[in-house]
Amino acid sequence: PRCPFFMKGVCDAREPPLAEAEEGHQVACWLYSKR
């Protein structure tokens, strides 16, 4: 995995929802979605 915050059993099991990071930019990350 390219992310240093990779969580086995979470990141490799399901695709996280897209969240808007800033206008015109989206991220797909379980940690970012919790914000």
PDB file of N, CA and C in Angstrom:
ATOM      1  N   PRO A   1       0.828  -1.210   0.000  1.00  0.00           N
ATOM      2  CA  PRO A   1       0.000   0.000   0.000  1.00  0.00           C
ATOM      3  C   PRO A   1       0.867   1.266   0.000  1.00  0.00           C
ATOM      4  N   ARG A   2       0.393   2.276  -0.655  1.00  0.00           N
ATOM      5  CA  ARG A   2       1.181   3.504  -0.731  1.00  0.00           C
ATOM      6  C   ARG A   2       0.910   4.455   0.421  1.00  0.00           C
ATOM      7  N   CYS A   3      -0.093   4.177   1.230  1.00  0.00           N
ATOM      8  CA  CYS A   3      -0.441   5.062   2.339  1.00  0.00           C
ATOM      9  C   CYS A   3       0.231   4.594   3.633  1.00  0.00           C
ATOM     10  N   PRO A   4       0.875   5.492   4.368  1.00  0.00           N
ATOM     11  CA  PRO A   4       1.514   5.101   5.627  1.00  0.00           C
ATOM     12  C   PRO A   4       0.496   4.776   6.731  1.00  0.00           C
ATOM     13  N   PHE A   5      -0.778   5.108   6.522  1.00  0.00           N
ATOM     14  CA  PHE A   5      -1.816   4.863   7.518  1.00  0.00           C
ATOM     15  C   PHE A   5      -2.678   3.647   7.174  1.00  0.00           C
ATOM     16  N   PHE A   6      -2.201   2.814   6.245  1.00  0.00           N
ATOM     17  CA  PHE A   6      -2.920   1.617   5.809  1.00  0.00           C
ATOM     18  C   PHE A   6      -3.323   0.772   7.008  1.00  0.00           C
ATOM     19  N   MET A   7      -4.599   0.379   7.051  1.00  0.00           N
ATOM     20  CA  MET A   7      -5.116  -0.455   8.146  1.00  0.00           C
ATOM     21  C   MET A   7      -5.561  -1.794   7.575  1.00  0.00           C
ATOM     22  N   LYS A   8      -4.817  -2.844   7.904  1.00  0.00           N
ATOM     23  CA  LYS A   8      -5.151  -4.184   7.416  1.00  0.00           C
ATOM     24  C   LYS A   8      -6.530  -4.579   7.933  1.00  0.00           C
ATOM     25  N   GLY A   9      -7.332  -5.154   7.055  1.00  0.00           N
ATOM     26  CA  GLY A   9      -8.677  -5.553   7.423  1.00  0.00           C
ATOM     27  C   GLY A   9      -9.707  -4.455   7.209  1.00  0.00           C
ATOM     28  N   VAL A  10      -9.252  -3.249   6.970  1.00  0.00           N
ATOM     29  CA  VAL A  10     -10.159  -2.130   6.694  1.00  0.00           C
ATOM     30  C   VAL A  10      -9.920  -1.658   5.266  1.00  0.00           C
ATOM     31  N   CYS A  11      -8.732  -1.154   5.025  1.00  0.00           N
ATOM     32  CA  CYS A  11      -8.409  -0.579   3.710  1.00  0.00           C
ATOM     33  C   CYS A  11      -8.377  -1.631   2.602  1.00  0.00           C
ATOM     34  N   ASP A  12      -8.011  -2.855   2.950  1.00  0.00           N
ATOM     35  CA  ASP A  12      -7.937  -3.898   1.929  1.00  0.00           C
ATOM     36  C   ASP A  12      -9.235  -4.702   1.820  1.00  0.00           C
ATOM     37  N   ALA A  13     -10.232  -4.366   2.636  1.00  0.00           N
ATOM     38  CA  ALA A  13     -11.489  -5.110   2.617  1.00  0.00           C
ATOM     39  C   ALA A  13     -12.594  -4.394   1.844  1.00  0.00           C
ATOM     40  N   ARG A  14     -12.658  -3.082   1.970  1.00  0.00           N
ATOM     41  CA  ARG A  14     -13.730  -2.313   1.320  1.00  0.00           C
ATOM     42  C   ARG A  14     -13.178  -1.007   0.772  1.00  0.00           C
ATOM     43  N   GLU A  15     -13.895  -0.469  -0.185  1.00  0.00           N
ATOM     44  CA  GLU A  15     -13.544   0.830  -0.773  1.00  0.00           C
ATOM     45  C   GLU A  15     -14.209   1.924   0.064  1.00  0.00           C
ATOM     46  N   PRO A  16     -13.455   2.902   0.551  1.00  0.00           N
ATOM     47  CA  PRO A  16     -14.068   3.976   1.336  1.00  0.00           C
ATOM     48  C   PRO A  16     -14.871   4.924   0.450  1.00  0.00           C
ATOM     49  N   PRO A  17     -15.828   5.634   1.031  1.00  0.00           N
ATOM     50  CA  PRO A  17     -16.599   6.597   0.245  1.00  0.00           C
ATOM     51  C   PRO A  17     -15.736   7.799  -0.134  1.00  0.00           C
ATOM     52  N   LEU A  18     -16.085   8.430  -1.234  1.00  0.00           N
ATOM     53  CA  LEU A  18     -15.382   9.648  -1.628  1.00  0.00           C
ATOM     54  C   LEU A  18     -15.828  10.797  -0.735  1.00  0.00           C
ATOM     55  N   ALA A  19     -14.872  11.599  -0.313  1.00  0.00           N
ATOM     56  CA  ALA A  19     -15.165  12.785   0.485  1.00  0.00           C
ATOM     57  C   ALA A  19     -14.483  13.965  -0.190  1.00  0.00           C
ATOM     58  N   GLU A  20     -15.114  15.112  -0.159  1.00  0.00           N
ATOM     59  CA  GLU A  20     -14.527  16.291  -0.783  1.00  0.00           C
ATOM     60  C   GLU A  20     -13.487  16.891   0.157  1.00  0.00           C
ATOM     61  N   ALA A  21     -12.237  16.926  -0.291  1.00  0.00           N
ATOM     62  CA  ALA A  21     -11.141  17.465   0.509  1.00  0.00           C
ATOM     63  C   ALA A  21     -11.138  18.982   0.418  1.00  0.00           C
ATOM     64  N   GLU A  22     -11.292  19.467  -0.779  1.00  0.00           N
ATOM     65  CA  GLU A  22     -11.430  20.895  -1.043  1.00  0.00           C
ATOM     66  C   GLU A  22     -12.136  21.010  -2.373  1.00  0.00           C
ATOM     67  N   GLU A  23     -12.519  22.169  -2.740  1.00  0.00           N
ATOM     68  CA  GLU A  23     -13.304  22.330  -3.963  1.00  0.00           C
ATOM     69  C   GLU A  23     -12.589  21.721  -5.161  1.00  0.00           C
ATOM     70  N   GLY A  24     -13.261  20.769  -5.791  1.00  0.00           N
ATOM     71  CA  GLY A  24     -12.715  20.130  -6.981  1.00  0.00           C
ATOM     72  C   GLY A  24     -11.771  18.969  -6.700  1.00  0.00           C
ATOM     73  N   HIS A  25     -11.539  18.629  -5.430  1.00  0.00           N
ATOM     74  CA  HIS A  25     -10.629  17.541  -5.071  1.00  0.00           C
ATOM     75  C   HIS A  25     -11.328  16.601  -4.101  1.00  0.00           C
ATOM     76  N   GLN A  26     -11.251  15.309  -4.419  1.00  0.00           N
ATOM     77  CA  GLN A  26     -11.877  14.305  -3.568  1.00  0.00           C
ATOM     78  C   GLN A  26     -10.838  13.296  -3.105  1.00  0.00           C
ATOM     79  N   VAL A  27     -11.098  12.701  -1.953  1.00  0.00           N
ATOM     80  CA  VAL A  27     -10.235  11.654  -1.421  1.00  0.00           C
ATOM     81  C   VAL A  27     -11.096  10.442  -1.084  1.00  0.00           C
ATOM     82  N   ALA A  28     -10.512   9.275  -1.183  1.00  0.00           N
ATOM     83  CA  ALA A  28     -11.175   8.042  -0.761  1.00  0.00           C
ATOM     84  C   ALA A  28     -10.317   7.467   0.360  1.00  0.00           C
ATOM     85  N   CYS A  29     -10.696   7.760   1.595  1.00  0.00           N
ATOM     86  CA  CYS A  29      -9.894   7.353   2.747  1.00  0.00           C
ATOM     87  C   CYS A  29     -10.799   7.161   3.954  1.00  0.00           C
ATOM     88  N   TRP A  30     -10.649   6.037   4.652  1.00  0.00           N
ATOM     89  CA  TRP A  30     -11.459   5.784   5.846  1.00  0.00           C
ATOM     90  C   TRP A  30     -11.146   6.796   6.935  1.00  0.00           C
ATOM     91  N   LEU A  31      -9.913   7.207   7.083  1.00  0.00           N
ATOM     92  CA  LEU A  31      -9.559   8.169   8.128  1.00  0.00           C
ATOM     93  C   LEU A  31     -10.110   9.556   7.807  1.00  0.00           C
ATOM     94  N   TYR A  32     -10.044   9.954   6.563  1.00  0.00           N
ATOM     95  CA  TYR A  32     -10.551  11.272   6.176  1.00  0.00           C
ATOM     96  C   TYR A  32     -12.063  11.344   6.325  1.00  0.00           C
ATOM     97  N   SER A  33     -12.749  10.239   6.054  1.00  0.00           N
ATOM     98  CA  SER A  33     -14.213  10.219   6.135  1.00  0.00           C
ATOM     99  C   SER A  33     -14.720  10.421   7.559  1.00  0.00           C
ATOM    100  N   LYS A  34     -13.899  10.155   8.546  1.00  0.00           N
ATOM    101  CA  LYS A  34     -14.319  10.283   9.946  1.00  0.00           C
ATOM    102  C   LYS A  34     -14.282  11.722  10.438  1.00  0.00           C
ATOM    103  N   ARG A  35     -13.730  12.612   9.651  1.00  0.00           N
ATOM    104  CA  ARG A  35     -13.638  14.020  10.059  1.00  0.00           C
ATOM    105  C   ARG A  35     -14.979  14.676  10.065  1.00  0.00           C
TER     106      ARG A  35
END
